[in-house]
PDB file of N, CA and C in Angstrom:
ATOM      1  N   MET A   1     100.312 100.190  84.369  1.00  0.00           N
ATOM      2  CA  MET A   1     101.398  99.351  84.819  1.00  0.00           C
ATOM      3  C   MET A   1     101.236  97.975  84.181  1.00  0.00           C
ATOM      4  N   ASP A   2     102.280  97.466  83.627  1.00  0.00           N
ATOM      5  CA  ASP A   2     102.266  96.143  83.014  1.00  0.00           C
ATOM      6  C   ASP A   2     102.627  95.109  84.083  1.00  0.00           C
ATOM      7  N   HIS A   3     101.683  94.250  84.422  1.00  0.00           N
ATOM      8  CA  HIS A   3     101.884  93.272  85.483  1.00  0.00           C
ATOM      9  C   HIS A   3     102.429  91.941  84.963  1.00  0.00           C
ATOM     10  N   THR A   4     102.633  91.809  83.662  1.00  0.00           N
ATOM     11  CA  THR A   4     103.002  90.515  83.103  1.00  0.00           C
ATOM     12  C   THR A   4     104.356  90.013  83.611  1.00  0.00           C
ATOM     13  N   ASN A   5     105.259  90.891  83.958  1.00  0.00           N
ATOM     14  CA  ASN A   5     106.574  90.463  84.441  1.00  0.00           C
ATOM     15  C   ASN A   5     106.662  90.414  85.961  1.00  0.00           C
ATOM     16  N   HIS A   6     105.564  90.647  86.634  1.00  0.00           N
ATOM     17  CA  HIS A   6     105.562  90.618  88.096  1.00  0.00           C
ATOM     18  C   HIS A   6     105.394  89.183  88.582  1.00  0.00           C
ATOM     19  N   THR A   7     105.973  88.899  89.721  1.00  0.00           N
ATOM     20  CA  THR A   7     105.968  87.545  90.277  1.00  0.00           C
ATOM     21  C   THR A   7     104.800  87.376  91.228  1.00  0.00           C
ATOM     22  N   ARG A   8     103.940  86.395  90.947  1.00  0.00           N
ATOM     23  CA  ARG A   8     102.805  86.111  91.822  1.00  0.00           C
ATOM     24  C   ARG A   8     103.318  85.582  93.158  1.00  0.00           C
ATOM     25  N   LEU A   9     102.664  85.986  94.252  1.00  0.00           N
ATOM     26  CA  LEU A   9     103.053  85.510  95.570  1.00  0.00           C
ATOM     27  C   LEU A   9     102.593  84.070  95.765  1.00  0.00           C
ATOM     28  N   LEU A  10     103.373  83.321  96.490  1.00  0.00           N
ATOM     29  CA  LEU A  10     103.016  81.950  96.851  1.00  0.00           C
ATOM     30  C   LEU A  10     102.022  81.989  98.007  1.00  0.00           C
ATOM     31  N   PRO A  11     101.195  80.952  98.164  1.00  0.00           N
ATOM     32  CA  PRO A  11     100.264  80.930  99.295  1.00  0.00           C
ATOM     33  C   PRO A  11     100.954  81.144 100.641  1.00  0.00           C
ATOM     34  N   SER A  12     102.166  80.673 100.790  1.00  0.00           N
ATOM     35  CA  SER A  12     102.895  80.840 102.053  1.00  0.00           C
ATOM     36  C   SER A  12     103.296  82.291 102.308  1.00  0.00           C
ATOM     37  N   GLU A  13     103.252  83.136 101.284  1.00  0.00           N
ATOM     38  CA  GLU A  13     103.610  84.545 101.423  1.00  0.00           C
ATOM     39  C   GLU A  13     102.405  85.434 101.744  1.00  0.00           C
ATOM     40  N   LEU A  14     101.217  84.866 101.766  1.00  0.00           N
ATOM     41  CA  LEU A  14      99.995  85.643 101.999  1.00  0.00           C
ATOM     42  C   LEU A  14      99.801  85.849 103.498  1.00  0.00           C
ATOM     43  N   THR A  15     100.679  86.654 104.074  1.00  0.00           N
ATOM     44  CA  THR A  15     100.672  86.924 105.509  1.00  0.00           C
ATOM     45  C   THR A  15     100.576  88.430 105.740  1.00  0.00           C
ATOM     46  N   SER A  16     100.231  88.806 106.969  1.00  0.00           N
ATOM     47  CA  SER A  16     100.152  90.231 107.321  1.00  0.00           C
ATOM     48  C   SER A  16     101.480  90.930 107.087  1.00  0.00           C
ATOM     49  N   ASP A  17     102.579  90.284 107.471  1.00  0.00           N
ATOM     50  CA  ASP A  17     103.890  90.911 107.301  1.00  0.00           C
ATOM     51  C   ASP A  17     104.171  91.263 105.850  1.00  0.00           C
ATOM     52  N   THR A  18     103.716  90.439 104.939  1.00  0.00           N
ATOM     53  CA  THR A  18     103.978  90.657 103.516  1.00  0.00           C
ATOM     54  C   THR A  18     102.974  91.615 102.880  1.00  0.00           C
ATOM     55  N   LEU A  19     101.699  91.515 103.276  1.00  0.00           N
ATOM     56  CA  LEU A  19     100.635  92.224 102.559  1.00  0.00           C
ATOM     57  C   LEU A  19     100.232  93.571 103.138  1.00  0.00           C
ATOM     58  N   ASP A  20     100.492  93.806 104.419  1.00  0.00           N
ATOM     59  CA  ASP A  20     100.072  95.074 105.031  1.00  0.00           C
ATOM     60  C   ASP A  20     100.619  96.266 104.250  1.00  0.00           C
ATOM     61  N   GLY A  21      99.722  97.169 103.887  1.00  0.00           N
ATOM     62  CA  GLY A  21     100.110  98.383 103.173  1.00  0.00           C
ATOM     63  C   GLY A  21     100.203  98.233 101.668  1.00  0.00           C
ATOM     64  N   ALA A  22     100.018  97.025 101.139  1.00  0.00           N
ATOM     65  CA  ALA A  22     100.127  96.808  99.691  1.00  0.00           C
ATOM     66  C   ALA A  22      99.069  97.636  98.961  1.00  0.00           C
ATOM     67  N   THR A  23      99.465  98.225  97.854  1.00  0.00           N
ATOM     68  CA  THR A  23      98.548  98.994  97.015  1.00  0.00           C
ATOM     69  C   THR A  23      97.658  98.043  96.230  1.00  0.00           C
ATOM     70  N   ILE A  24      96.382  98.399  96.116  1.00  0.00           N
ATOM     71  CA  ILE A  24      95.429  97.615  95.336  1.00  0.00           C
ATOM     72  C   ILE A  24      95.064  98.421  94.094  1.00  0.00           C
ATOM     73  N   TYR A  25      95.140  97.756  92.937  1.00  0.00           N
ATOM     74  CA  TYR A  25      94.806  98.377  91.653  1.00  0.00           C
ATOM     75  C   TYR A  25      93.546  97.741  91.090  1.00  0.00           C
ATOM     76  N   GLY A  26      92.699  98.569  90.479  1.00  0.00           N
ATOM     77  CA  GLY A  26      91.477  98.099  89.849  1.00  0.00           C
ATOM     78  C   GLY A  26      91.720  97.633  88.434  1.00  0.00           C
ATOM     79  N   PRO A  27      90.645  97.330  87.715  1.00  0.00           N
ATOM     80  CA  PRO A  27      90.765  96.769  86.370  1.00  0.00           C
ATOM     81  C   PRO A  27      91.452  97.690  85.368  1.00  0.00           C
ATOM     82  N   ASP A  28      91.391  98.992  85.561  1.00  0.00           N
ATOM     83  CA  ASP A  28      92.048  99.925  84.636  1.00  0.00           C
ATOM     84  C   ASP A  28      93.343 100.476  85.217  1.00  0.00           C
ATOM     85  N   ASP A  29      93.949  99.703  86.152  1.00  0.00           N
ATOM     86  CA  ASP A  29      95.181 100.097  86.830  1.00  0.00           C
ATOM     87  C   ASP A  29      95.025 101.358  87.665  1.00  0.00           C
ATOM     88  N   GLU A  30      93.789 101.648  88.049  1.00  0.00           N
ATOM     89  CA  GLU A  30      93.524 102.767  88.947  1.00  0.00           C
ATOM     90  C   GLU A  30      93.866 102.320  90.367  1.00  0.00           C
ATOM     91  N   LYS A  31      94.607 103.158  91.101  1.00  0.00           N
ATOM     92  CA  LYS A  31      94.862 102.862  92.507  1.00  0.00           C
ATOM     93  C   LYS A  31      93.550 103.029  93.253  1.00  0.00           C
ATOM     94  N   ILE A  32      93.110 101.940  93.900  1.00  0.00           N
ATOM     95  CA  ILE A  32      91.811 102.018  94.559  1.00  0.00           C
ATOM     96  C   ILE A  32      91.900 101.876  96.072  1.00  0.00           C
ATOM     97  N   GLY A  33      93.047 101.525  96.591  1.00  0.00           N
ATOM     98  CA  GLY A  33      93.174 101.404  98.036  1.00  0.00           C
ATOM     99  C   GLY A  33      94.456 100.728  98.460  1.00  0.00           C
ATOM    100  N   HIS A  34      94.512 100.426  99.772  1.00  0.00           N
ATOM    101  CA  HIS A  34      95.669  99.766 100.376  1.00  0.00           C
ATOM    102  C   HIS A  34      95.190  98.711 101.365  1.00  0.00           C
ATOM    103  N   VAL A  35      95.989  97.676 101.538  1.00  0.00           N
ATOM    104  CA  VAL A  35      95.666  96.658 102.529  1.00  0.00           C
ATOM    105  C   VAL A  35      95.850  97.261 103.916  1.00  0.00           C
ATOM    106  N   SER A  36      94.802  97.201 104.711  1.00  0.00           N
ATOM    107  CA  SER A  36      94.847  97.666 106.086  1.00  0.00           C
ATOM    108  C   SER A  36      95.361  96.559 106.997  1.00  0.00           C
ATOM    109  N   HIS A  37      94.732  95.381 106.870  1.00  0.00           N
ATOM    110  CA  HIS A  37      95.156  94.220 107.659  1.00  0.00           C
ATOM    111  C   HIS A  37      94.455  92.975 107.141  1.00  0.00           C
ATOM    112  N   LEU A  38      94.836  91.843 107.700  1.00  0.00           N
ATOM    113  CA  LEU A  38      94.246  90.555 107.330  1.00  0.00           C
ATOM    114  C   LEU A  38      93.548  89.931 108.525  1.00  0.00           C
ATOM    115  N   HIS A  39      92.590  89.086 108.198  1.00  0.00           N
ATOM    116  CA  HIS A  39      92.021  88.172 109.175  1.00  0.00           C
ATOM    117  C   HIS A  39      92.410  86.788 108.669  1.00  0.00           C
ATOM    118  N   GLY A  40      93.238  86.090 109.418  1.00  0.00           N
ATOM    119  CA  GLY A  40      93.722  84.787 108.988  1.00  0.00           C
ATOM    120  C   GLY A  40      94.961  84.928 108.129  1.00  0.00           C
ATOM    121  N   ALA A  41      95.346  83.837 107.499  1.00  0.00           N
ATOM    122  CA  ALA A  41      96.532  83.827 106.633  1.00  0.00           C
ATOM    123  C   ALA A  41      96.325  82.793 105.530  1.00  0.00           C
ATOM    124  N   GLY A  42      97.111  82.922 104.477  1.00  0.00           N
ATOM    125  CA  GLY A  42      97.046  81.974 103.375  1.00  0.00           C
ATOM    126  C   GLY A  42      95.780  82.121 102.561  1.00  0.00           C
ATOM    127  N   PRO A  43      95.409  81.063 101.832  1.00  0.00           N
ATOM    128  CA  PRO A  43      94.295  81.148 100.889  1.00  0.00           C
ATOM    129  C   PRO A  43      92.922  81.348 101.523  1.00  0.00           C
ATOM    130  N   ALA A  44      92.785  81.147 102.831  1.00  0.00           N
ATOM    131  CA  ALA A  44      91.494  81.327 103.494  1.00  0.00           C
ATOM    132  C   ALA A  44      91.352  82.709 104.145  1.00  0.00           C
ATOM    133  N   ALA A  45      92.330  83.571 103.992  1.00  0.00           N
ATOM    134  CA  ALA A  45      92.331  84.876 104.660  1.00  0.00           C
ATOM    135  C   ALA A  45      91.288  85.823 104.071  1.00  0.00           C
ATOM    136  N   THR A  46      90.890  86.777 104.899  1.00  0.00           N
ATOM    137  CA  THR A  46      90.072  87.903 104.465  1.00  0.00           C
ATOM    138  C   THR A  46      90.957  89.140 104.529  1.00  0.00           C
ATOM    139  N   VAL A  47      90.944  89.912 103.468  1.00  0.00           N
ATOM    140  CA  VAL A  47      91.776  91.107 103.369  1.00  0.00           C
ATOM    141  C   VAL A  47      90.902  92.331 103.610  1.00  0.00           C
ATOM    142  N   VAL A  48      91.323  93.183 104.533  1.00  0.00           N
ATOM    143  CA  VAL A  48      90.617  94.439 104.768  1.00  0.00           C
ATOM    144  C   VAL A  48      91.360  95.518 103.980  1.00  0.00           C
ATOM    145  N   VAL A  49      90.635  96.150 103.060  1.00  0.00           N
ATOM    146  CA  VAL A  49      91.206  97.153 102.160  1.00  0.00           C
ATOM    147  C   VAL A  49      90.609  98.510 102.513  1.00  0.00           C
ATOM    148  N   ASP A  50      91.470  99.505 102.713  1.00  0.00           N
ATOM    149  CA  ASP A  50      91.026 100.887 102.894  1.00  0.00           C
ATOM    150  C   ASP A  50      90.862 101.488 101.508  1.00  0.00           C
ATOM    151  N   VAL A  51      89.625 101.858 101.167  1.00  0.00           N
ATOM    152  CA  VAL A  51      89.302 102.369  99.838  1.00  0.00           C
ATOM    153  C   VAL A  51      89.086 103.868  99.915  1.00  0.00           C
ATOM    154  N   GLY A  52      89.698 104.583  98.965  1.00  0.00           N
ATOM    155  CA  GLY A  52      89.516 106.026  98.895  1.00  0.00           C
ATOM    156  C   GLY A  52      90.269 106.742  99.992  1.00  0.00           C
ATOM    157  N   GLY A  53      89.858 107.945 100.291  1.00  0.00           N
ATOM    158  CA  GLY A  53      90.531 108.747 101.302  1.00  0.00           C
ATOM    159  C   GLY A  53      91.839 109.330 100.784  1.00  0.00           C
ATOM    160  N   PHE A  54      92.491 110.034 101.680  1.00  0.00           N
ATOM    161  CA  PHE A  54      93.776 110.649 101.352  1.00  0.00           C
ATOM    162  C   PHE A  54      94.700 110.441 102.535  1.00  0.00           C
ATOM    163  N   LEU A  55      95.813 109.770 102.297  1.00  0.00           N
ATOM    164  CA  LEU A  55      96.779 109.451 103.346  1.00  0.00           C
ATOM    165  C   LEU A  55      96.111 108.738 104.526  1.00  0.00           C
ATOM    166  N   GLY A  56      95.163 107.865 104.187  1.00  0.00           N
ATOM    167  CA  GLY A  56      94.480 107.086 105.215  1.00  0.00           C
ATOM    168  C   GLY A  56      93.334 107.799 105.907  1.00  0.00           C
ATOM    169  N   ILE A  57      93.131 109.075 105.611  1.00  0.00           N
ATOM    170  CA  ILE A  57      92.051 109.828 106.245  1.00  0.00           C
ATOM    171  C   ILE A  57      90.831 109.775 105.339  1.00  0.00           C
ATOM    172  N   GLY A  58      89.718 109.378 105.895  1.00  0.00           N
ATOM    173  CA  GLY A  58      88.485 109.305 105.129  1.00  0.00           C
ATOM    174  C   GLY A  58      88.333 108.043 104.313  1.00  0.00           C
ATOM    175  N   ALA A  59      89.249 107.092 104.481  1.00  0.00           N
ATOM    176  CA  ALA A  59      89.143 105.841 103.738  1.00  0.00           C
ATOM    177  C   ALA A  59      88.071 104.960 104.358  1.00  0.00           C
ATOM    178  N   LYS A  60      87.432 104.148 103.526  1.00  0.00           N
ATOM    179  CA  LYS A  60      86.407 103.222 103.988  1.00  0.00           C
ATOM    180  C   LYS A  60      86.990 101.809 103.974  1.00  0.00           C
ATOM    181  N   PRO A  61      87.034 101.131 105.132  1.00  0.00           N
ATOM    182  CA  PRO A  61      87.532  99.756 105.144  1.00  0.00           C
ATOM    183  C   PRO A  61      86.457  98.781 104.666  1.00  0.00           C
ATOM    184  N   VAL A  62      86.833  97.920 103.732  1.00  0.00           N
ATOM    185  CA  VAL A  62      85.938  96.872 103.245  1.00  0.00           C
ATOM    186  C   VAL A  62      86.693  95.544 103.287  1.00  0.00           C
ATOM    187  N   ALA A  63      85.965  94.456 103.480  1.00  0.00           N
ATOM    188  CA  ALA A  63      86.580  93.129 103.576  1.00  0.00           C
ATOM    189  C   ALA A  63      86.342  92.354 102.287  1.00  0.00           C
ATOM    190  N   LEU A  64      87.423  91.719 101.804  1.00  0.00           N
ATOM    191  CA  LEU A  64      87.349  90.895 100.598  1.00  0.00           C
ATOM    192  C   LEU A  64      88.016  89.552 100.855  1.00  0.00           C
ATOM    193  N   PRO A  65      87.472  88.475 100.289  1.00  0.00           N
ATOM    194  CA  PRO A  65      88.199  87.212 100.337  1.00  0.00           C
ATOM    195  C   PRO A  65      89.513  87.378  99.574  1.00  0.00           C
ATOM    196  N   ILE A  66      90.553  86.773 100.079  1.00  0.00           N
ATOM    197  CA  ILE A  66      91.862  86.953  99.452  1.00  0.00           C
ATOM    198  C   ILE A  66      91.866  86.462  97.996  1.00  0.00           C
ATOM    199  N   GLN A  67      90.946  85.540  97.665  1.00  0.00           N
ATOM    200  CA  GLN A  67      90.866  85.044  96.290  1.00  0.00           C
ATOM    201  C   GLN A  67      90.426  86.122  95.302  1.00  0.00           C
ATOM    202  N   ASP A  68      89.842  87.223  95.796  1.00  0.00           N
ATOM    203  CA  ASP A  68      89.424  88.314  94.916  1.00  0.00           C
ATOM    204  C   ASP A  68      90.563  89.266  94.573  1.00  0.00           C
ATOM    205  N   LEU A  69      91.756  88.971  95.087  1.00  0.00           N
ATOM    206  CA  LEU A  69      92.924  89.810  94.849  1.00  0.00           C
ATOM    207  C   LEU A  69      94.070  88.951  94.321  1.00  0.00           C
ATOM    208  N   ASP A  70      94.793  89.478  93.362  1.00  0.00           N
ATOM    209  CA  ASP A  70      95.935  88.771  92.781  1.00  0.00           C
ATOM    210  C   ASP A  70      97.200  89.499  93.239  1.00  0.00           C
ATOM    211  N   PHE A  71      97.849  88.964  94.278  1.00  0.00           N
ATOM    212  CA  PHE A  71      99.020  89.611  94.854  1.00  0.00           C
ATOM    213  C   PHE A  71     100.281  89.224  94.107  1.00  0.00           C
ATOM    214  N   MET A  72     101.171  90.208  93.942  1.00  0.00           N
ATOM    215  CA  MET A  72     102.420  90.004  93.207  1.00  0.00           C
ATOM    216  C   MET A  72     103.473  91.008  93.660  1.00  0.00           C
ATOM    217  N   ARG A  73     104.714  90.747  93.243  1.00  0.00           N
ATOM    218  CA  ARG A  73     105.829  91.672  93.479  1.00  0.00           C
ATOM    219  C   ARG A  73     106.264  92.261  92.139  1.00  0.00           C
ATOM    220  N   ASP A  74     106.560  93.562  92.163  1.00  0.00           N
ATOM    221  CA  ASP A  74     107.059  94.183  90.942  1.00  0.00           C
ATOM    222  C   ASP A  74     108.574  94.024  90.868  1.00  0.00           C
ATOM    223  N   GLU A  75     109.168  94.653  89.881  1.00  0.00           N
ATOM    224  CA  GLU A  75     110.609  94.528  89.657  1.00  0.00           C
ATOM    225  C   GLU A  75     111.433  95.045  90.835  1.00  0.00           C
ATOM    226  N   ASP A  76     110.872  95.955  91.626  1.00  0.00           N
ATOM    227  CA  ASP A  76     111.573  96.509  92.791  1.00  0.00           C
ATOM    228  C   ASP A  76     111.309  95.708  94.063  1.00  0.00           C
ATOM    229  N   GLY A  77     110.478  94.662  93.966  1.00  0.00           N
ATOM    230  CA  GLY A  77     110.151  93.852  95.129  1.00  0.00           C
ATOM    231  C   GLY A  77     108.962  94.344  95.919  1.00  0.00           C
ATOM    232  N   ASP A  78     108.309  95.415  95.438  1.00  0.00           N
ATOM    233  CA  ASP A  78     107.142  95.956  96.135  1.00  0.00           C
ATOM    234  C   ASP A  78     105.923  95.079  95.873  1.00  0.00           C
ATOM    235  N   VAL A  79     105.174  94.776  96.941  1.00  0.00           N
ATOM    236  CA  VAL A  79     103.982  93.948  96.836  1.00  0.00           C
ATOM    237  C   VAL A  79     102.773  94.829  96.523  1.00  0.00           C
ATOM    238  N   HIS A  80     101.955  94.361  95.592  1.00  0.00           N
ATOM    239  CA  HIS A  80     100.709  95.027  95.243  1.00  0.00           C
ATOM    240  C   HIS A  80      99.739  93.958  94.758  1.00  0.00           C
ATOM    241  N   ALA A  81      98.502  94.357  94.506  1.00  0.00           N
ATOM    242  CA  ALA A  81      97.507  93.409  94.011  1.00  0.00           C
ATOM    243  C   ALA A  81      96.631  94.075  92.971  1.00  0.00           C
ATOM    244  N   ILE A  82      96.048  93.237  92.130  1.00  0.00           N
ATOM    245  CA  ILE A  82      95.043  93.705  91.190  1.00  0.00           C
ATOM    246  C   ILE A  82      93.745  92.976  91.501  1.00  0.00           C
ATOM    247  N   THR A  83      92.638  93.632  91.199  1.00  0.00           N
ATOM    248  CA  THR A  83      91.318  93.058  91.407  1.00  0.00           C
ATOM    249  C   THR A  83      90.417  93.445  90.247  1.00  0.00           C
ATOM    250  N   ARG A  84      89.365  92.688  90.094  1.00  0.00           N
ATOM    251  CA  ARG A  84      88.385  92.990  89.026  1.00  0.00           C
ATOM    252  C   ARG A  84      87.421  94.090  89.441  1.00  0.00           C
ATOM    253  N   PHE A  85      87.415  94.440  90.736  1.00  0.00           N
ATOM    254  CA  PHE A  85      86.496  95.444  91.256  1.00  0.00           C
ATOM    255  C   PHE A  85      87.012  96.855  91.016  1.00  0.00           C
ATOM    256  N   THR A  86      86.099  97.776  90.765  1.00  0.00           N
ATOM    257  CA  THR A  86      86.450  99.186  90.653  1.00  0.00           C
ATOM    258  C   THR A  86      86.368  99.827  92.041  1.00  0.00           C
ATOM    259  N   LYS A  87      86.891 101.029  92.155  1.00  0.00           N
ATOM    260  CA  LYS A  87      86.804 101.766  93.417  1.00  0.00           C
ATOM    261  C   LYS A  87      85.343 101.986  93.801  1.00  0.00           C
ATOM    262  N   ASP A  88      84.498 102.344  92.832  1.00  0.00           N
ATOM    263  CA  ASP A  88      83.087 102.578  93.125  1.00  0.00           C
ATOM    264  C   ASP A  88      82.400 101.303  93.616  1.00  0.00           C
ATOM    265  N   GLN A  89      82.726 100.163  93.030  1.00  0.00           N
ATOM    266  CA  GLN A  89      82.129  98.904  93.479  1.00  0.00           C
ATOM    267  C   GLN A  89      82.537  98.590  94.915  1.00  0.00           C
ATOM    268  N   LEU A  90      83.803  98.826  95.249  1.00  0.00           N
ATOM    269  CA  LEU A  90      84.252  98.557  96.611  1.00  0.00           C
ATOM    270  C   LEU A  90      83.630  99.531  97.603  1.00  0.00           C
ATOM    271  N   LYS A  91      83.450 100.783  97.197  1.00  0.00           N
ATOM    272  CA  LYS A  91      82.823 101.767  98.085  1.00  0.00           C
ATOM    273  C   LYS A  91      81.370 101.404  98.390  1.00  0.00           C
ATOM    274  N   GLU A  92      80.724 100.622  97.505  1.00  0.00           N
ATOM    275  CA  GLU A  92      79.348 100.199  97.726  1.00  0.00           C
ATOM    276  C   GLU A  92      79.241  99.050  98.730  1.00  0.00           C
ATOM    277  N   LEU A  93      80.347  98.369  99.024  1.00  0.00           N
ATOM    278  CA  LEU A  93      80.316  97.276  99.991  1.00  0.00           C
ATOM    279  C   LEU A  93      80.090  97.828 101.392  1.00  0.00           C
ATOM    280  N   PRO A  94      79.571  96.986 102.295  1.00  0.00           N
ATOM    281  CA  PRO A  94      79.400  97.449 103.673  1.00  0.00           C
ATOM    282  C   PRO A  94      80.747  97.777 104.307  1.00  0.00           C
ATOM    283  N   GLU A  95      80.745  98.772 105.167  1.00  0.00           N
ATOM    284  CA  GLU A  95      81.975  99.138 105.873  1.00  0.00           C
ATOM    285  C   GLU A  95      82.355  98.011 106.827  1.00  0.00           C
ATOM    286  N   HIS A  96      83.618  97.643 106.796  1.00  0.00           N
ATOM    287  CA  HIS A  96      84.110  96.581 107.683  1.00  0.00           C
ATOM    288  C   HIS A  96      84.482  97.171 109.037  1.00  0.00           C
ATOM    289  N   THR A  97      84.011  96.538 110.080  1.00  0.00           N
ATOM    290  CA  THR A  97      84.423  96.909 111.428  1.00  0.00           C
ATOM    291  C   THR A  97      84.878  95.641 112.125  1.00  0.00           C
ATOM    292  N   ASP A  98      85.894  95.768 112.943  1.00  0.00           N
ATOM    293  CA  ASP A  98      86.336  94.628 113.721  1.00  0.00           C
ATOM    294  C   ASP A  98      86.918  95.112 115.034  1.00  0.00           C
ATOM    295  N   ARG A  99      87.035  94.188 115.913  1.00  0.00           N
ATOM    296  CA  ARG A  99      87.627  94.505 117.198  1.00  0.00           C
ATOM    297  C   ARG A  99      89.100  94.118 117.136  1.00  0.00           C
ATOM    298  N   PRO A 100      89.985  94.929 117.710  1.00  0.00           N
ATOM    299  CA  PRO A 100      91.425  94.678 117.614  1.00  0.00           C
ATOM    300  C   PRO A 100      91.844  93.290 118.078  1.00  0.00           C
ATOM    301  N   GLU A 101      91.133  92.694 119.030  1.00  0.00           N
ATOM    302  CA  GLU A 101      91.551  91.384 119.523  1.00  0.00           C
ATOM    303  C   GLU A 101      91.371  90.283 118.479  1.00  0.00           C
ATOM    304  N   PHE A 102      90.631  90.570 117.395  1.00  0.00           N
ATOM    305  CA  PHE A 102      90.446  89.577 116.354  1.00  0.00           C
ATOM    306  C   PHE A 102      91.412  89.765 115.195  1.00  0.00           C
ATOM    307  N   ARG A 103      92.251  90.757 115.245  1.00  0.00           N
ATOM    308  CA  ARG A 103      93.224  90.968 114.183  1.00  0.00           C
ATOM    309  C   ARG A 103      94.326  89.922 114.275  1.00  0.00           C
ATOM    310  N   VAL A 104      94.797  89.492 113.118  1.00  0.00           N
ATOM    311  CA  VAL A 104      95.904  88.535 113.052  1.00  0.00           C
ATOM    312  C   VAL A 104      97.085  89.212 112.422  1.00  0.00           C
TER     313      VAL A 104
END
């Protein structure tokens, strides 16, 4: 996928409503996961990404600083992100666990 014509999201758009479910692509445009949810909003947020699995089953949630993801909209308006991390690198991170009352 050529991301050069995609529009980068503004810091004000880095919210759960905008990012939940966004596809995450690795360095070789491999689909590596989806945004599960955020902790916080804007440039200080932490993004929880479900890596691997099939239809959400068997996916491993990992937490990344939002700065490690480059969020954008494609020509159809769909939000996605690219990262320098591969699927294998993300799978090596500790599994993220949180309590629902801390979700934003």
